[in-house]
């Protein structure tokens, strides 16, 4: 079994790992690289594997940094199957279409400028017809069911507890030399998060690819989340201001809605207009409502009481651009939840443009912010901020709630690692910035597996 790492190697984005075993070529994830615009443009356009030579893709979950370059495979001749959970398939159907739309819109703006400068126009990375083509290749399978890929190779998906439908990938190889089992963590969820069940702990792996996003730190207790949200909402009521929350349309938005629902049901939150300004978030929330097989006991109990855990009085989903823009002229108090989660595009940019200059407002960061993103610059309070080509002084208050992270922290990662460790002989630390993967390899060695490395992009390992 040979492994080649192309994405999410010494970075958190662009997840893509090639497995070659028993004559099969299987891609684990096919994500978009995000960050520096020029670098992202080049890396996403240059597919490091031949799509026509791939037998299958196994997708850990629907987040764009793991799934977002799948349509490029179809555009260049991929004819295999994509294996994932049913919920991941449904989320990809809306997310990849949204990605294609956003790319076409952004490309139109860029090409207008290039045409005026007499430069060659860029072609889209992919288009809606490519999304249609790749969606026809999806073969969703439930958790725990063995998927036979032929030639002694099989895949089993286990719950990762990260977002709806997220999976740990178990890949088994049977050959004359014996059996080998590779485990790919995908993105592991923090235990005891709302809505979703905690991660599974599969056994018997010989080699492991483990995410490292928060390998160097622990999150605050999630018990604090509702209290902090309550405090922020009381603050904006007092100052008649706005609480602006950049949030991923899938996962984080639904978590925030769940906590607000609990505050409202418990009578701890005054009536407050809450606007979810993202058509994708509305569609994703509908998918969350459909796939209740993924819910944990607490969310299932709430449903049995006849309560939808992601609805409450005052909640409104904003659909049209005009409705979105109109919010900027409405006085507070109000909560605006909008994508993208790292502030790199989408409607959140317009709300930040109007909110960051007012010291009464709060910008609440509820997720990981990668390097070279506007979200990271907001967290680091770097002023002025460049938003949509203009500079704005950051006067609004900035707060973070790391306990809302959908990624497992150091303690949760190592609890899971100790559970799957068994007879592991090799570990590869992926999906983390350099200091994070270094922290993970150090932890893995301290927990008993000496052969732990952090691969770089393009690095190949044979006979894993």
Protein backbone atom coordinates (compact mmCIF):
# COMPACT_ATOMS: atom_id res chain seq x y z
CA UNK A 1 0.00 0.00 0.00
CA UNK A 2 1.50 3.32 -1.14
CA UNK A 3 0.44 6.79 0.04
CA UNK A 4 1.00 10.17 -1.63
CA UNK A 5 -0.02 13.38 0.11
CA UNK A 6 -1.15 16.31 -2.03
CA UNK A 7 -3.29 18.55 0.15
CA UNK A 8 -3.85 19.28 3.84
CA UNK A 9 -0.14 18.51 4.26
CA UNK A 10 1.45 21.11 6.57
CA UNK A 11 -1.75 23.13 6.08
CA UNK A 12 -5.43 22.82 6.99
CA UNK A 13 -6.87 23.13 3.51
CA UNK A 14 -7.16 21.27 0.21
CA UNK A 15 -7.43 17.77 1.71
CA UNK A 16 -6.28 15.18 -0.87
CA UNK A 17 -4.41 11.90 -0.31
CA UNK A 18 -3.80 9.16 -2.89
CA UNK A 19 -3.81 5.47 -1.88
CA UNK A 20 -2.42 2.90 -4.31
CA UNK A 21 -3.10 -0.70 -3.33
CA UNK A 22 -3.69 -4.00 -5.16
CA UNK A 23 -3.75 -2.14 -8.46
CA UNK A 24 -6.41 0.32 -7.22
CA UNK A 25 -5.93 4.09 -7.13
CA UNK A 26 -8.18 5.64 -4.51
CA UNK A 27 -8.33 9.33 -3.61
CA UNK A 28 -9.17 10.23 -0.03
CA UNK A 29 -10.96 13.60 -0.29
CA UNK A 30 -10.65 16.15 -3.09
CA UNK A 31 -10.77 19.56 -1.45
CA UNK A 32 -10.28 23.10 -2.63
CA UNK A 33 -7.13 24.83 -1.45
CA UNK A 34 -8.06 28.09 0.28
CA UNK A 35 -5.95 31.03 1.39
CA UNK A 36 -3.63 33.24 -0.69
CA UNK A 37 -5.71 33.92 -3.78
CA UNK A 38 -3.00 33.56 -6.41
CA UNK A 39 -1.58 30.39 -4.87
CA UNK A 40 -5.07 28.92 -4.41
CA UNK A 41 -5.95 29.67 -8.04
CA UNK A 42 -2.88 27.83 -9.33
CA UNK A 43 -3.09 24.85 -6.97
CA UNK A 44 -6.78 24.21 -7.55
CA UNK A 45 -6.41 24.43 -11.32
CA UNK A 46 -3.45 22.01 -11.45
CA UNK A 47 -4.83 18.60 -10.46
CA UNK A 48 -1.89 16.54 -9.11
CA UNK A 49 -3.44 13.21 -10.13
CA UNK A 50 -4.84 11.98 -13.43
CA UNK A 51 -8.63 11.84 -12.91
CA UNK A 52 -9.02 9.20 -15.64
CA UNK A 53 -6.67 6.85 -13.75
CA UNK A 54 -8.60 6.98 -10.46
CA UNK A 55 -10.82 4.05 -9.51
CA UNK A 56 -12.69 5.78 -6.70
CA UNK A 57 -12.85 8.70 -4.31
CA UNK A 58 -13.73 8.21 -0.66
CA UNK A 59 -15.02 11.44 0.84
CA UNK A 60 -14.76 12.07 4.58
CA UNK A 61 -17.26 14.96 4.63
CA UNK A 62 -18.79 17.81 2.68
CA UNK A 63 -16.78 20.85 3.77
CA UNK A 64 -15.35 22.59 0.71
CA UNK A 65 -11.72 22.12 1.81
CA UNK A 66 -12.43 18.36 1.57
CA UNK A 67 -14.94 18.13 -1.30
CA UNK A 68 -14.71 21.37 -3.27
CA UNK A 69 -12.51 20.22 -6.17
CA UNK A 70 -14.55 17.12 -7.01
CA UNK A 71 -16.19 18.79 -10.06
CA UNK A 72 -12.72 19.35 -11.52
CA UNK A 73 -12.33 15.56 -11.56
CA UNK A 74 -15.48 15.26 -13.67
CA UNK A 75 -14.32 18.10 -15.93
CA UNK A 76 -11.17 16.10 -16.69
CA UNK A 77 -12.63 12.66 -17.24
CA UNK A 78 -13.13 10.93 -13.87
CA UNK A 79 -15.45 7.94 -14.31
CA UNK A 80 -15.19 6.18 -10.96
CA UNK A 81 -17.48 6.31 -7.95
CA UNK A 82 -17.48 8.62 -4.95
CA UNK A 83 -18.22 6.87 -1.68
CA UNK A 84 -19.54 8.80 1.30
CA UNK A 85 -22.49 8.85 3.69
CA UNK A 86 -26.00 9.82 2.48
CA UNK A 87 -25.90 13.08 4.46
CA UNK A 88 -22.54 14.02 2.91
CA UNK A 89 -23.96 13.37 -0.55
CA UNK A 90 -26.93 15.67 0.13
CA UNK A 91 -24.72 18.42 1.54
CA UNK A 92 -22.33 18.18 -1.41
CA UNK A 93 -25.23 18.59 -3.80
CA UNK A 94 -25.95 22.07 -2.43
CA UNK A 95 -22.40 23.07 -1.52
CA UNK A 96 -20.75 22.24 -4.83
CA UNK A 97 -23.48 24.10 -6.73
CA UNK A 98 -22.96 27.08 -4.47
CA UNK A 99 -19.19 26.85 -5.05
CA UNK A 100 -19.66 26.82 -8.83
CA UNK A 101 -21.98 29.82 -8.63
CA UNK A 102 -19.60 31.83 -6.44
CA UNK A 103 -16.67 31.04 -8.72
CA UNK A 104 -18.57 32.13 -11.84
CA UNK A 105 -19.63 35.36 -10.13
CA UNK A 106 -16.12 36.15 -8.91
CA UNK A 107 -14.60 35.21 -12.26
CA UNK A 108 -16.96 37.58 -14.05
CA UNK A 109 -15.65 40.47 -11.93
CA UNK A 110 -12.01 39.47 -12.42
CA UNK A 111 -12.40 38.99 -16.18
CA UNK A 112 -14.10 42.36 -16.55
CA UNK A 113 -10.98 43.98 -15.08
CA UNK A 114 -8.63 41.80 -17.17
CA UNK A 115 -10.52 42.65 -20.36
CA UNK A 116 -10.19 46.37 -19.59
CA UNK A 117 -6.43 45.83 -19.13
CA UNK A 118 -6.13 43.87 -22.38
CA UNK A 119 -5.19 40.64 -20.57
CA UNK A 120 -6.26 37.08 -21.39
CA UNK A 121 -9.44 36.02 -19.64
CA UNK A 122 -9.48 33.23 -17.08
CA UNK A 123 -11.58 30.11 -17.55
CA UNK A 124 -13.68 28.82 -14.65
CA UNK A 125 -12.26 26.04 -12.51
CA UNK A 126 -15.55 24.24 -13.07
CA UNK A 127 -19.16 25.01 -13.96
CA UNK A 128 -22.62 23.77 -12.99
CA UNK A 129 -22.57 21.05 -15.64
CA UNK A 130 -19.42 19.68 -14.00
CA UNK A 131 -21.28 19.59 -10.68
CA UNK A 132 -24.11 17.68 -12.36
CA UNK A 133 -21.58 15.24 -13.80
CA UNK A 134 -19.80 14.60 -10.50
CA UNK A 135 -23.03 14.23 -8.52
CA UNK A 136 -23.98 11.37 -10.83
CA UNK A 137 -20.83 9.54 -9.63
CA UNK A 138 -21.84 9.57 -5.95
CA UNK A 139 -22.58 6.20 -4.35
CA UNK A 140 -23.72 6.96 -0.78
CA UNK A 141 -23.39 4.20 1.80
CA UNK A 142 -24.48 4.09 5.46
CA UNK A 143 -22.01 3.88 8.31
CA UNK A 144 -20.57 0.48 9.26
CA UNK A 145 -21.39 -1.18 5.91
CA UNK A 146 -18.47 -2.84 4.11
CA UNK A 147 -18.02 -1.40 0.61
CA UNK A 148 -16.25 -3.84 -1.73
CA UNK A 149 -14.04 -2.02 -4.26
CA UNK A 150 -12.78 -5.27 -5.79
CA UNK A 151 -9.30 -6.87 -5.92
CA UNK A 152 -9.26 -7.40 -2.16
CA UNK A 153 -9.84 -3.72 -1.33
CA UNK A 154 -12.76 -2.56 0.81
CA UNK A 155 -13.88 0.56 2.63
CA UNK A 156 -15.97 1.03 5.78
CA UNK A 157 -17.19 4.41 7.03
CA UNK A 158 -17.45 5.27 10.73
CA UNK A 159 -18.97 8.32 12.41
CA UNK A 160 -16.50 11.21 12.85
CA UNK A 161 -18.82 13.56 14.78
CA UNK A 162 -17.51 16.64 12.92
CA UNK A 163 -20.44 17.81 10.78
CA UNK A 164 -23.56 16.07 9.55
CA UNK A 165 -22.52 12.88 7.73
CA UNK A 166 -18.81 13.21 8.47
CA UNK A 167 -16.93 9.93 8.42
CA UNK A 168 -13.73 8.23 9.50
CA UNK A 169 -12.50 6.16 6.55
CA UNK A 170 -11.31 2.59 7.10
CA UNK A 171 -9.57 1.08 4.05
CA UNK A 172 -8.68 -2.61 4.08
CA UNK A 173 -6.30 -4.43 1.76
CA UNK A 174 -6.22 -8.22 1.52
CA UNK A 175 -3.24 -9.79 -0.28
CA UNK A 176 -0.97 -12.84 -0.19
CA UNK A 177 1.35 -10.93 2.10
CA UNK A 178 -1.45 -10.52 4.64
CA UNK A 179 -4.07 -7.94 5.46
CA UNK A 180 -3.42 -4.23 6.02
CA UNK A 181 -5.78 -1.63 7.43
CA UNK A 182 -5.44 2.12 6.85
CA UNK A 183 -7.48 4.55 8.92
CA UNK A 184 -8.11 8.16 7.85
CA UNK A 185 -9.60 10.28 10.62
CA UNK A 186 -11.02 12.90 8.27
CA UNK A 187 -11.93 15.78 10.59
CA UNK A 188 -12.80 14.56 14.06
CA UNK A 189 -15.47 16.37 16.03
CA UNK A 190 -15.13 17.64 19.57
CA UNK A 191 -17.11 15.32 21.90
CA UNK A 192 -20.26 16.60 23.59
CA UNK A 193 -21.06 19.08 20.84
CA UNK A 194 -24.73 19.81 20.13
CA UNK A 195 -26.83 17.86 17.62
CA UNK A 196 -24.37 15.18 16.48
CA UNK A 197 -23.22 11.91 18.02
CA UNK A 198 -19.62 11.67 19.23
CA UNK A 199 -16.95 10.04 17.09
CA UNK A 200 -16.55 6.26 16.72
CA UNK A 201 -13.31 4.50 17.69
CA UNK A 202 -12.53 1.89 14.96
CA UNK A 203 -10.06 -0.86 15.81
CA UNK A 204 -7.32 -2.82 14.07
CA UNK A 205 -5.50 -0.18 12.02
CA UNK A 206 -1.90 -0.64 10.91
CA UNK A 207 -1.44 2.91 9.61
CA UNK A 208 -3.25 6.13 10.44
CA UNK A 209 -3.77 9.56 8.89
CA UNK A 210 -4.80 11.84 11.75
CA UNK A 211 -5.97 15.44 11.61
CA UNK A 212 -3.97 17.94 13.68
CA UNK A 213 -5.95 21.19 13.54
CA UNK A 214 -5.85 21.73 17.31
CA UNK A 215 -3.08 19.33 18.34
CA UNK A 216 -1.42 22.02 20.46
CA UNK A 217 -4.36 23.24 22.57
CA UNK A 218 -7.57 22.43 24.39
CA UNK A 219 -10.89 24.18 23.90
CA UNK A 220 -12.75 25.90 26.74
CA UNK A 221 -15.68 24.02 28.21
CA UNK A 222 -18.75 24.00 26.00
CA UNK A 223 -20.81 24.75 29.11
CA UNK A 224 -19.63 28.34 28.71
CA UNK A 225 -21.06 28.79 25.20
CA UNK A 226 -24.67 29.54 26.12
CA UNK A 227 -23.58 31.91 28.88
CA UNK A 228 -21.32 33.89 26.58
CA UNK A 229 -23.95 34.09 23.84
CA UNK A 230 -26.45 35.28 26.44
CA UNK A 231 -24.01 38.00 27.53
CA UNK A 232 -23.40 39.19 23.97
CA UNK A 233 -27.13 39.38 23.27
CA UNK A 234 -27.78 41.36 26.44
CA UNK A 235 -24.94 43.70 25.39
CA UNK A 236 -26.41 44.45 21.94
CA UNK A 237 -29.82 45.05 23.50
CA UNK A 238 -28.31 47.60 25.87
CA UNK A 239 -26.36 49.39 23.11
CA UNK A 240 -28.91 48.78 20.33
CA UNK A 241 -26.10 47.36 18.23
CA UNK A 242 -25.30 44.29 16.13
CA UNK A 243 -23.74 40.92 16.82
CA UNK A 244 -22.16 39.76 13.55
CA UNK A 245 -21.16 36.10 13.37
CA UNK A 246 -19.19 34.80 10.37
CA UNK A 247 -20.05 31.11 10.28
CA UNK A 248 -19.70 28.17 7.94
CA UNK A 249 -23.05 27.47 6.32
CA UNK A 250 -22.68 23.80 7.19
CA UNK A 251 -22.07 22.84 10.79
CA UNK A 252 -21.29 26.04 12.62
CA UNK A 253 -24.48 27.88 11.66
CA UNK A 254 -26.59 24.97 12.88
CA UNK A 255 -24.64 24.82 16.16
CA UNK A 256 -25.25 28.52 16.83
CA UNK A 257 -28.95 28.14 16.04
CA UNK A 258 -29.15 25.19 18.43
CA UNK A 259 -27.65 27.20 21.32
CA UNK A 260 -29.92 30.17 20.61
CA UNK A 261 -32.89 27.79 20.57
CA UNK A 262 -31.88 26.47 24.00
CA UNK A 263 -31.51 30.00 25.41
CA UNK A 264 -34.94 30.93 24.07
CA UNK A 265 -36.60 27.73 25.34
CA UNK A 266 -35.02 28.25 28.78
CA UNK A 267 -36.25 31.86 28.94
CA UNK A 268 -32.70 33.22 29.21
CA UNK A 269 -32.71 35.31 26.03
CA UNK A 270 -34.86 38.39 25.32
CA UNK A 271 -36.77 38.37 22.01
CA UNK A 272 -34.11 39.16 19.43
CA UNK A 273 -34.17 39.35 15.62
CA UNK A 274 -31.74 36.72 14.34
CA UNK A 275 -30.98 36.79 10.62
CA UNK A 276 -29.27 33.90 8.88
CA UNK A 277 -28.05 35.62 5.74
CA UNK A 278 -27.05 32.76 3.51
CA UNK A 279 -29.20 30.83 1.03
CA UNK A 280 -26.73 27.96 1.46
CA UNK A 281 -27.27 27.98 5.24
CA UNK A 282 -31.03 27.64 4.71
CA UNK A 283 -30.53 24.66 2.39
CA UNK A 284 -27.96 23.12 4.74
CA UNK A 285 -30.29 23.50 7.72
CA UNK A 286 -32.98 21.71 5.72
CA UNK A 287 -30.52 18.87 5.09
CA UNK A 288 -29.77 18.77 8.83
CA UNK A 289 -33.51 18.47 9.49
CA UNK A 290 -33.76 15.59 6.98
CA UNK A 291 -30.90 13.47 8.36
CA UNK A 292 -31.98 12.98 11.95
CA UNK A 293 -30.27 9.57 12.01
CA UNK A 294 -27.09 11.54 12.74
CA UNK A 295 -28.47 13.22 15.89
CA UNK A 296 -27.30 12.50 19.41
CA UNK A 297 -29.64 11.58 22.29
CA UNK A 298 -30.15 15.17 23.48
CA UNK A 299 -31.20 16.46 20.05
CA UNK A 300 -33.40 13.39 19.53
CA UNK A 301 -35.10 14.00 22.90
CA UNK A 302 -35.82 17.62 21.93
CA UNK A 303 -37.38 16.41 18.67
CA UNK A 304 -39.56 13.94 20.58
CA UNK A 305 -40.89 16.90 22.58
CA UNK A 306 -42.11 18.42 19.31
CA UNK A 307 -39.40 21.11 19.29
CA UNK A 308 -37.27 21.78 16.22
CA UNK A 309 -33.81 22.41 17.78
CA UNK A 310 -32.85 24.87 15.05
CA UNK A 311 -35.93 27.13 15.08
CA UNK A 312 -37.20 29.78 17.49
CA UNK A 313 -39.24 33.02 17.46
CA UNK A 314 -37.36 35.88 15.82
CA UNK A 315 -35.31 33.65 13.49
CA UNK A 316 -35.42 34.70 9.83
CA UNK A 317 -33.57 33.30 6.83
CA UNK A 318 -32.54 36.01 4.38
CA UNK A 319 -32.75 34.88 0.77
CA UNK A 320 -32.36 37.76 -1.71
CA UNK A 321 -29.41 40.15 -2.05
CA UNK A 322 -31.77 43.10 -1.60
CA UNK A 323 -33.03 41.70 1.71
CA UNK A 324 -29.42 41.21 2.75
CA UNK A 325 -28.39 44.77 1.94
CA UNK A 326 -31.46 46.15 3.70
CA UNK A 327 -30.18 44.77 7.02
CA UNK A 328 -27.38 47.33 6.98
CA UNK A 329 -29.94 50.12 7.36
CA UNK A 330 -31.88 48.46 10.19
CA UNK A 331 -30.84 49.53 13.72
CA UNK A 332 -29.97 46.98 16.37
CA UNK A 333 -30.34 44.99 18.40
CA UNK A 334 -29.95 42.14 15.97
CA UNK A 335 -27.84 39.05 15.32
CA UNK A 336 -26.54 38.44 11.79
CA UNK A 337 -25.10 35.01 10.96
CA UNK A 338 -23.57 34.89 7.49
CA UNK A 339 -21.04 32.95 5.44
CA UNK A 340 -18.25 32.52 4.70
CA UNK A 341 -16.82 31.27 7.96
CA UNK A 342 -13.33 32.62 7.24
CA UNK A 343 -14.68 35.91 5.78
CA UNK A 344 -13.15 35.19 2.37
CA UNK A 345 -16.33 35.73 0.38
CA UNK A 346 -20.09 35.78 0.54
CA UNK A 347 -22.55 38.12 2.22
CA UNK A 348 -20.57 38.38 5.46
CA UNK A 349 -18.24 40.83 3.70
CA UNK A 350 -20.99 43.41 3.26
CA UNK A 351 -22.05 43.11 6.89
CA UNK A 352 -18.46 43.43 8.13
CA UNK A 353 -17.97 46.46 5.89
CA UNK A 354 -20.85 48.20 7.66
CA UNK A 355 -20.18 46.85 11.18
CA UNK A 356 -16.44 46.89 11.91
CA UNK A 357 -16.18 50.66 12.25
CA UNK A 358 -18.71 50.95 15.11
CA UNK A 359 -17.30 50.23 18.61
CA UNK A 360 -20.77 49.26 19.84
CA UNK A 361 -20.90 46.26 17.50
CA UNK A 362 -19.46 42.81 18.19
CA UNK A 363 -17.81 40.52 15.66
CA UNK A 364 -17.96 36.99 17.06
CA UNK A 365 -15.56 34.43 15.58
CA UNK A 366 -16.78 30.88 16.18
CA UNK A 367 -14.43 28.77 14.06
CA UNK A 368 -10.87 28.18 12.94
CA UNK A 369 -9.42 30.95 10.75
CA UNK A 370 -6.70 29.84 8.34
CA UNK A 371 -3.63 31.91 7.57
CA UNK A 372 -3.97 34.70 5.00
CA UNK A 373 -7.75 34.97 5.48
CA UNK A 374 -9.71 38.06 6.48
CA UNK A 375 -11.05 36.08 9.43
CA UNK A 376 -7.52 35.53 10.75
CA UNK A 377 -6.75 39.24 10.41
CA UNK A 378 -9.92 40.06 12.38
CA UNK A 379 -8.95 37.62 15.14
CA UNK A 380 -5.49 39.20 15.27
CA UNK A 381 -7.15 42.66 15.29
CA UNK A 382 -5.08 43.92 12.38
CA UNK A 383 -6.41 47.31 11.39
CA UNK A 384 -7.21 48.62 8.86
CA UNK A 385 -9.02 45.68 7.26
CA UNK A 386 -9.28 45.40 3.50
CA UNK A 387 -12.84 44.42 2.61
CA UNK A 388 -14.09 44.31 -0.98
CA UNK A 389 -11.17 46.44 -2.10
CA UNK A 390 -11.65 49.17 0.52
CA UNK A 391 -9.92 49.76 3.86
CA UNK A 392 -11.89 50.00 7.11
CA UNK A 393 -10.68 50.69 10.64
CA UNK A 394 -11.50 47.86 13.03
CA UNK A 395 -13.26 49.55 15.93
CA UNK A 396 -15.87 46.89 16.67
CA UNK A 397 -15.19 44.52 19.52
CA UNK A 398 -13.87 41.10 18.49
CA UNK A 399 -14.60 37.98 20.52
CA UNK A 400 -13.97 34.30 19.88
CA UNK A 401 -15.73 31.17 21.10
CA UNK A 402 -13.33 28.30 20.48
CA UNK A 403 -15.60 25.90 22.37
CA UNK A 404 -17.86 25.93 19.30
CA UNK A 405 -15.13 24.39 17.18
CA UNK A 406 -16.22 21.32 15.25
CA UNK A 407 -12.62 20.04 15.46
CA UNK A 408 -11.45 17.90 18.34
CA UNK A 409 -8.94 19.58 20.65
CA UNK A 410 -5.69 18.05 21.89
CA UNK A 411 -7.30 16.05 24.71
CA UNK A 412 -10.10 14.72 22.50
CA UNK A 413 -7.68 13.89 19.68
CA UNK A 414 -5.43 11.87 21.96
CA UNK A 415 -8.37 10.15 23.68
CA UNK A 416 -9.45 8.99 20.22
CA UNK A 417 -5.89 8.09 19.26
CA UNK A 418 -5.40 5.96 22.37
CA UNK A 419 -8.65 4.19 21.52
CA UNK A 420 -7.62 3.29 17.95
CA UNK A 421 -3.91 2.81 18.65
CA UNK A 422 -3.86 -0.97 19.09
CA UNK A 423 -0.98 -2.26 16.94
CA UNK A 424 -0.46 0.89 14.89
CA UNK A 425 2.96 0.97 13.26
CA UNK A 426 2.86 4.26 11.31
CA UNK A 427 1.10 7.59 11.80
CA UNK A 428 0.88 10.55 9.42
CA UNK A 429 -0.11 13.92 10.87
CA UNK A 430 -2.20 15.89 8.36
CA UNK A 431 -4.65 18.81 8.26
CA UNK A 432 -2.66 21.19 10.40
CA UNK A 433 -0.34 24.15 10.06
CA UNK A 434 3.36 23.30 10.58
CA UNK A 435 3.42 23.87 14.34
CA UNK A 436 0.23 21.78 14.73
CA UNK A 437 1.47 18.73 12.83
CA UNK A 438 4.76 18.97 14.74
CA UNK A 439 2.78 18.96 17.97
CA UNK A 440 0.82 15.94 16.77
CA UNK A 441 3.89 13.89 15.86
CA UNK A 442 5.36 14.67 19.28
CA UNK A 443 2.13 13.58 20.98
CA UNK A 444 1.88 10.38 18.94
CA UNK A 445 5.43 9.40 19.85
CA UNK A 446 4.74 10.14 23.52
CA UNK A 447 1.66 7.90 23.26
CA UNK A 448 3.67 4.94 22.01
CA UNK A 449 4.03 5.02 18.22
CA UNK A 450 7.59 5.93 17.24
CA UNK A 451 7.05 6.15 13.47
CA UNK A 452 5.13 9.42 13.26
CA UNK A 453 5.74 11.94 10.48
CA UNK A 454 4.18 15.11 9.08
CA UNK A 455 4.30 14.75 5.27
CA UNK A 456 4.71 17.67 2.90
CA UNK A 457 2.72 18.13 -0.29
CA UNK A 458 3.82 15.71 -2.99
CA UNK A 459 5.58 13.34 -0.60
CA UNK A 460 5.14 9.62 -1.28
CA UNK A 461 5.47 6.73 1.17
CA UNK A 462 5.74 3.14 -0.07
CA UNK A 463 4.78 -0.13 1.63
CA UNK A 464 2.81 1.66 4.35
